[in-house]
N, C-alpha and C. Protein backbone atom coordinates (compact mmCIF):
# COMPACT_ATOMS: atom_id res chain seq x y z
N MET A 1 -16.69 -9.07 -17.60
CA MET A 1 -15.81 -10.13 -17.17
C MET A 1 -15.75 -10.13 -15.63
N GLU A 2 -15.94 -11.28 -15.06
CA GLU A 2 -15.91 -11.41 -13.62
C GLU A 2 -14.47 -11.60 -13.14
N THR A 3 -14.13 -10.91 -12.06
CA THR A 3 -12.80 -11.04 -11.49
C THR A 3 -12.92 -11.31 -10.00
N TYR A 4 -11.82 -11.69 -9.40
CA TYR A 4 -11.80 -11.94 -7.96
C TYR A 4 -12.07 -10.65 -7.20
N TYR A 5 -11.49 -9.56 -7.67
CA TYR A 5 -11.68 -8.27 -7.03
C TYR A 5 -12.82 -7.52 -7.71
N ASN A 6 -13.84 -7.24 -6.95
CA ASN A 6 -14.99 -6.52 -7.45
C ASN A 6 -14.88 -5.08 -6.96
N PRO A 7 -14.71 -4.11 -7.86
CA PRO A 7 -14.59 -2.72 -7.44
C PRO A 7 -15.73 -2.24 -6.55
N GLN A 8 -16.89 -2.83 -6.70
CA GLN A 8 -18.03 -2.44 -5.86
C GLN A 8 -17.82 -2.83 -4.39
N ASP A 9 -16.96 -3.82 -4.15
CA ASP A 9 -16.69 -4.24 -2.78
C ASP A 9 -16.02 -3.14 -1.97
N LEU A 10 -15.26 -2.28 -2.63
CA LEU A 10 -14.61 -1.18 -1.93
C LEU A 10 -15.64 -0.30 -1.22
N LEU A 11 -16.80 -0.14 -1.84
CA LEU A 11 -17.86 0.67 -1.25
C LEU A 11 -18.44 0.02 0.01
N LYS A 12 -18.19 -1.26 0.19
CA LYS A 12 -18.71 -2.00 1.35
C LYS A 12 -17.70 -2.05 2.50
N PHE A 13 -16.57 -1.41 2.36
CA PHE A 13 -15.51 -1.50 3.36
C PHE A 13 -16.01 -1.09 4.75
N GLY A 14 -16.86 -0.11 4.82
CA GLY A 14 -17.39 0.34 6.10
C GLY A 14 -18.20 -0.72 6.83
N GLU A 15 -18.65 -1.74 6.10
CA GLU A 15 -19.43 -2.82 6.69
C GLU A 15 -18.56 -3.89 7.33
N ILE A 16 -17.24 -3.74 7.22
CA ILE A 16 -16.32 -4.77 7.69
C ILE A 16 -16.47 -5.03 9.19
N GLY A 17 -16.98 -4.07 9.92
CA GLY A 17 -17.13 -4.22 11.35
C GLY A 17 -18.48 -4.75 11.80
N LYS A 18 -19.26 -5.22 10.89
CA LYS A 18 -20.62 -5.68 11.20
C LYS A 18 -20.63 -6.66 12.39
N ASP A 19 -19.72 -7.60 12.41
CA ASP A 19 -19.72 -8.60 13.46
C ASP A 19 -18.72 -8.30 14.57
N ALA A 20 -17.99 -7.21 14.43
CA ALA A 20 -17.02 -6.80 15.46
C ALA A 20 -16.99 -5.27 15.51
N PRO A 21 -18.10 -4.66 15.89
CA PRO A 21 -18.19 -3.20 15.80
C PRO A 21 -17.18 -2.45 16.65
N LYS A 22 -16.84 -2.96 17.83
CA LYS A 22 -15.88 -2.26 18.68
C LYS A 22 -14.49 -2.24 18.03
N LEU A 23 -14.11 -3.35 17.46
CA LEU A 23 -12.80 -3.40 16.80
C LEU A 23 -12.78 -2.51 15.56
N ALA A 24 -13.86 -2.55 14.79
CA ALA A 24 -13.93 -1.71 13.59
C ALA A 24 -13.87 -0.24 13.96
N LYS A 25 -14.58 0.13 15.02
CA LYS A 25 -14.57 1.52 15.46
C LYS A 25 -13.15 1.96 15.80
N LYS A 26 -12.43 1.13 16.52
CA LYS A 26 -11.05 1.46 16.89
C LYS A 26 -10.17 1.57 15.65
N PHE A 27 -10.34 0.64 14.71
CA PHE A 27 -9.55 0.69 13.48
C PHE A 27 -9.83 1.98 12.72
N PHE A 28 -11.10 2.29 12.52
CA PHE A 28 -11.43 3.47 11.72
C PHE A 28 -11.03 4.77 12.42
N GLU A 29 -11.05 4.80 13.75
CA GLU A 29 -10.55 5.97 14.47
C GLU A 29 -9.05 6.12 14.24
N TYR A 30 -8.32 5.01 14.36
CA TYR A 30 -6.88 5.02 14.13
C TYR A 30 -6.57 5.44 12.69
N TYR A 31 -7.26 4.83 11.76
CA TYR A 31 -7.08 5.11 10.33
C TYR A 31 -7.28 6.60 10.05
N GLY A 32 -8.33 7.15 10.63
CA GLY A 32 -8.61 8.57 10.45
C GLY A 32 -7.51 9.45 11.00
N GLU A 33 -6.99 9.09 12.17
CA GLU A 33 -5.89 9.86 12.77
C GLU A 33 -4.62 9.76 11.93
N VAL A 34 -4.33 8.58 11.44
CA VAL A 34 -3.13 8.38 10.62
C VAL A 34 -3.15 9.29 9.40
N PHE A 35 -4.30 9.41 8.75
CA PHE A 35 -4.38 10.17 7.51
C PHE A 35 -4.73 11.65 7.71
N ALA A 36 -4.87 12.07 8.96
CA ALA A 36 -5.12 13.49 9.24
C ALA A 36 -3.84 14.29 9.03
N GLU A 37 -4.01 15.55 8.75
CA GLU A 37 -2.86 16.46 8.59
C GLU A 37 -2.01 16.40 9.85
N GLY A 38 -0.73 16.30 9.67
CA GLY A 38 0.21 16.25 10.79
C GLY A 38 1.55 16.78 10.32
N GLU A 39 2.61 16.09 10.65
CA GLU A 39 3.93 16.46 10.14
C GLU A 39 3.97 16.34 8.62
N LEU A 40 3.21 15.39 8.11
CA LEU A 40 3.03 15.24 6.66
C LEU A 40 1.65 15.78 6.28
N THR A 41 1.55 16.30 5.09
CA THR A 41 0.25 16.77 4.62
C THR A 41 -0.62 15.57 4.24
N GLU A 42 -1.91 15.81 4.13
CA GLU A 42 -2.81 14.75 3.68
C GLU A 42 -2.43 14.29 2.27
N ARG A 43 -1.98 15.22 1.46
CA ARG A 43 -1.55 14.90 0.09
C ARG A 43 -0.34 13.98 0.12
N GLU A 44 0.65 14.30 0.94
CA GLU A 44 1.85 13.46 1.04
C GLU A 44 1.50 12.06 1.55
N LYS A 45 0.63 12.00 2.54
CA LYS A 45 0.21 10.72 3.08
C LYS A 45 -0.52 9.88 2.03
N SER A 46 -1.29 10.54 1.20
CA SER A 46 -2.01 9.83 0.14
C SER A 46 -1.04 9.25 -0.89
N LEU A 47 0.01 10.00 -1.22
CA LEU A 47 1.03 9.49 -2.15
C LEU A 47 1.76 8.29 -1.55
N ILE A 48 2.06 8.36 -0.26
CA ILE A 48 2.70 7.22 0.41
C ILE A 48 1.76 6.02 0.36
N ALA A 49 0.50 6.24 0.68
CA ALA A 49 -0.48 5.15 0.67
C ALA A 49 -0.60 4.54 -0.72
N LEU A 50 -0.58 5.36 -1.75
CA LEU A 50 -0.66 4.85 -3.11
C LEU A 50 0.55 3.98 -3.43
N ALA A 51 1.73 4.43 -3.02
CA ALA A 51 2.94 3.65 -3.26
C ALA A 51 2.88 2.32 -2.52
N VAL A 52 2.48 2.36 -1.26
CA VAL A 52 2.37 1.13 -0.46
C VAL A 52 1.32 0.20 -1.07
N ALA A 53 0.22 0.76 -1.54
CA ALA A 53 -0.83 -0.05 -2.17
C ALA A 53 -0.27 -0.85 -3.34
N HIS A 54 0.62 -0.24 -4.09
CA HIS A 54 1.25 -0.95 -5.20
C HIS A 54 2.22 -2.01 -4.69
N ALA A 55 2.96 -1.69 -3.63
CA ALA A 55 3.92 -2.65 -3.09
C ALA A 55 3.22 -3.89 -2.55
N ILE A 56 2.06 -3.70 -1.91
CA ILE A 56 1.33 -4.85 -1.37
C ILE A 56 0.31 -5.40 -2.36
N GLN A 57 0.19 -4.74 -3.49
CA GLN A 57 -0.65 -5.16 -4.61
C GLN A 57 -2.12 -5.30 -4.21
N CYS A 58 -2.66 -4.25 -3.60
CA CYS A 58 -4.07 -4.23 -3.22
C CYS A 58 -4.85 -3.38 -4.22
N PRO A 59 -5.62 -4.02 -5.09
CA PRO A 59 -6.35 -3.25 -6.10
C PRO A 59 -7.37 -2.29 -5.50
N TYR A 60 -7.96 -2.66 -4.37
CA TYR A 60 -8.91 -1.74 -3.73
C TYR A 60 -8.19 -0.47 -3.28
N CYS A 61 -7.03 -0.65 -2.66
CA CYS A 61 -6.25 0.50 -2.18
C CYS A 61 -5.74 1.34 -3.35
N ILE A 62 -5.33 0.68 -4.42
CA ILE A 62 -4.86 1.40 -5.60
C ILE A 62 -5.98 2.29 -6.14
N ASP A 63 -7.18 1.72 -6.26
CA ASP A 63 -8.32 2.50 -6.74
C ASP A 63 -8.60 3.67 -5.80
N ALA A 64 -8.68 3.37 -4.51
CA ALA A 64 -9.05 4.40 -3.53
C ALA A 64 -8.01 5.50 -3.46
N TYR A 65 -6.72 5.14 -3.41
CA TYR A 65 -5.70 6.17 -3.23
C TYR A 65 -5.33 6.88 -4.52
N THR A 66 -5.61 6.29 -5.66
CA THR A 66 -5.48 7.06 -6.90
C THR A 66 -6.50 8.20 -6.88
N GLN A 67 -7.72 7.87 -6.53
CA GLN A 67 -8.77 8.90 -6.45
C GLN A 67 -8.43 9.93 -5.38
N THR A 68 -7.99 9.47 -4.20
CA THR A 68 -7.65 10.39 -3.12
C THR A 68 -6.51 11.31 -3.51
N CYS A 69 -5.49 10.75 -4.15
CA CYS A 69 -4.35 11.57 -4.59
C CYS A 69 -4.82 12.68 -5.54
N LEU A 70 -5.68 12.32 -6.47
CA LEU A 70 -6.21 13.33 -7.40
C LEU A 70 -7.00 14.39 -6.65
N GLU A 71 -7.82 13.96 -5.70
CA GLU A 71 -8.61 14.91 -4.91
C GLU A 71 -7.73 15.83 -4.07
N LYS A 72 -6.56 15.33 -3.64
CA LYS A 72 -5.66 16.13 -2.81
C LYS A 72 -4.70 16.97 -3.64
N GLY A 73 -4.82 16.90 -4.98
CA GLY A 73 -4.03 17.77 -5.84
C GLY A 73 -2.80 17.16 -6.48
N SER A 74 -2.61 15.86 -6.33
CA SER A 74 -1.48 15.21 -7.00
C SER A 74 -1.78 15.04 -8.48
N ASN A 75 -0.73 14.95 -9.26
CA ASN A 75 -0.91 14.72 -10.69
C ASN A 75 -0.35 13.34 -11.06
N SER A 76 -0.56 12.97 -12.29
CA SER A 76 -0.16 11.65 -12.76
C SER A 76 1.35 11.43 -12.62
N GLY A 77 2.13 12.45 -12.88
CA GLY A 77 3.58 12.33 -12.77
C GLY A 77 4.01 12.04 -11.34
N GLU A 78 3.42 12.73 -10.39
CA GLU A 78 3.75 12.50 -8.98
C GLU A 78 3.35 11.10 -8.53
N MET A 79 2.16 10.68 -8.96
CA MET A 79 1.69 9.36 -8.58
C MET A 79 2.56 8.27 -9.20
N THR A 80 2.94 8.47 -10.46
CA THR A 80 3.79 7.50 -11.13
C THR A 80 5.15 7.42 -10.44
N GLU A 81 5.70 8.55 -10.06
CA GLU A 81 6.99 8.56 -9.37
C GLU A 81 6.89 7.85 -8.02
N ALA A 82 5.80 8.05 -7.30
CA ALA A 82 5.59 7.35 -6.03
C ALA A 82 5.55 5.84 -6.23
N VAL A 83 4.90 5.40 -7.29
CA VAL A 83 4.84 3.96 -7.60
C VAL A 83 6.24 3.44 -7.91
N HIS A 84 7.04 4.23 -8.62
CA HIS A 84 8.41 3.81 -8.92
C HIS A 84 9.26 3.72 -7.66
N VAL A 85 9.03 4.61 -6.71
CA VAL A 85 9.76 4.53 -5.44
C VAL A 85 9.44 3.20 -4.76
N ALA A 86 8.16 2.85 -4.68
CA ALA A 86 7.76 1.59 -4.06
C ALA A 86 8.36 0.40 -4.81
N THR A 87 8.38 0.48 -6.13
CA THR A 87 8.93 -0.59 -6.94
C THR A 87 10.43 -0.76 -6.69
N ALA A 88 11.15 0.35 -6.58
CA ALA A 88 12.59 0.28 -6.32
C ALA A 88 12.88 -0.34 -4.96
N ILE A 89 12.11 0.03 -3.95
CA ILE A 89 12.31 -0.52 -2.62
C ILE A 89 11.97 -2.01 -2.61
N ARG A 90 10.86 -2.36 -3.21
CA ARG A 90 10.46 -3.78 -3.24
C ARG A 90 11.47 -4.61 -4.03
N GLY A 91 11.92 -4.09 -5.17
CA GLY A 91 12.93 -4.81 -5.96
C GLY A 91 14.24 -4.95 -5.21
N GLY A 92 14.66 -3.87 -4.57
CA GLY A 92 15.89 -3.92 -3.79
C GLY A 92 15.81 -4.91 -2.65
N ALA A 93 14.65 -4.97 -2.00
CA ALA A 93 14.46 -5.92 -0.90
C ALA A 93 14.57 -7.35 -1.40
N SER A 94 14.07 -7.62 -2.58
CA SER A 94 14.22 -8.96 -3.15
C SER A 94 15.67 -9.25 -3.48
N LEU A 95 16.34 -8.28 -4.09
CA LEU A 95 17.73 -8.48 -4.48
C LEU A 95 18.66 -8.68 -3.29
N VAL A 96 18.47 -7.91 -2.22
CA VAL A 96 19.36 -8.03 -1.08
C VAL A 96 19.26 -9.41 -0.43
N HIS A 97 18.12 -10.07 -0.59
CA HIS A 97 18.00 -11.43 -0.08
C HIS A 97 18.85 -12.41 -0.88
N GLY A 98 19.35 -11.96 -2.02
CA GLY A 98 20.29 -12.77 -2.79
C GLY A 98 21.57 -13.03 -2.01
N VAL A 99 21.90 -12.16 -1.06
CA VAL A 99 23.07 -12.38 -0.22
C VAL A 99 22.88 -13.66 0.59
N GLN A 100 21.68 -13.88 1.08
CA GLN A 100 21.40 -15.12 1.82
C GLN A 100 21.63 -16.33 0.92
N MET A 101 21.15 -16.26 -0.31
CA MET A 101 21.34 -17.35 -1.26
C MET A 101 22.83 -17.59 -1.49
N ARG A 102 23.57 -16.51 -1.65
CA ARG A 102 25.02 -16.65 -1.90
C ARG A 102 25.72 -17.25 -0.68
N ASN A 103 25.33 -16.84 0.52
CA ASN A 103 25.93 -17.41 1.73
C ASN A 103 25.71 -18.91 1.81
N ILE A 104 24.48 -19.35 1.57
CA ILE A 104 24.17 -20.79 1.60
C ILE A 104 24.90 -21.51 0.48
N ASN A 105 24.91 -20.91 -0.70
CA ASN A 105 25.62 -21.51 -1.83
C ASN A 105 27.10 -21.68 -1.50
N ASP A 106 27.71 -20.63 -0.96
CA ASP A 106 29.13 -20.71 -0.61
C ASP A 106 29.39 -21.77 0.44
N LYS A 107 28.52 -21.86 1.43
CA LYS A 107 28.68 -22.83 2.52
C LYS A 107 28.57 -24.26 1.98
N LEU A 108 27.56 -24.50 1.16
CA LEU A 108 27.32 -25.85 0.65
C LEU A 108 28.31 -26.23 -0.45
N SER A 109 28.77 -25.27 -1.21
CA SER A 109 29.70 -25.55 -2.31
C SER A 109 31.11 -25.86 -1.80
N MET A 110 31.44 -25.34 -0.60
CA MET A 110 32.77 -25.55 -0.05
C MET A 110 32.90 -26.93 0.61
N GLY A 111 31.79 -27.53 0.95
CA GLY A 111 31.85 -28.77 1.73
C GLY A 111 31.94 -29.99 0.94
């Protein structure tokens, strides 16, 4: 079955800089530094990336960071919990915008 997202395209990510090599080089240098061991471990950073991948709904990132999390020693329970954290934050962000709706509703209903 053909889909919009082709898993094989993830393998081509390194080619993204073909027409802008200087920019790609800077991005990949930055990306490498971000995911290097620092105050957070590489494993912790991978779990964060997996959660964010779900929040932004990037199937390529979900595939890549699921594999990376496993390689860094995370288990299914940890990954699932990270996804739930992202879901709770995303859901809460949607719900808190309900205050804006209520404010407009109250303003327009009073007039």
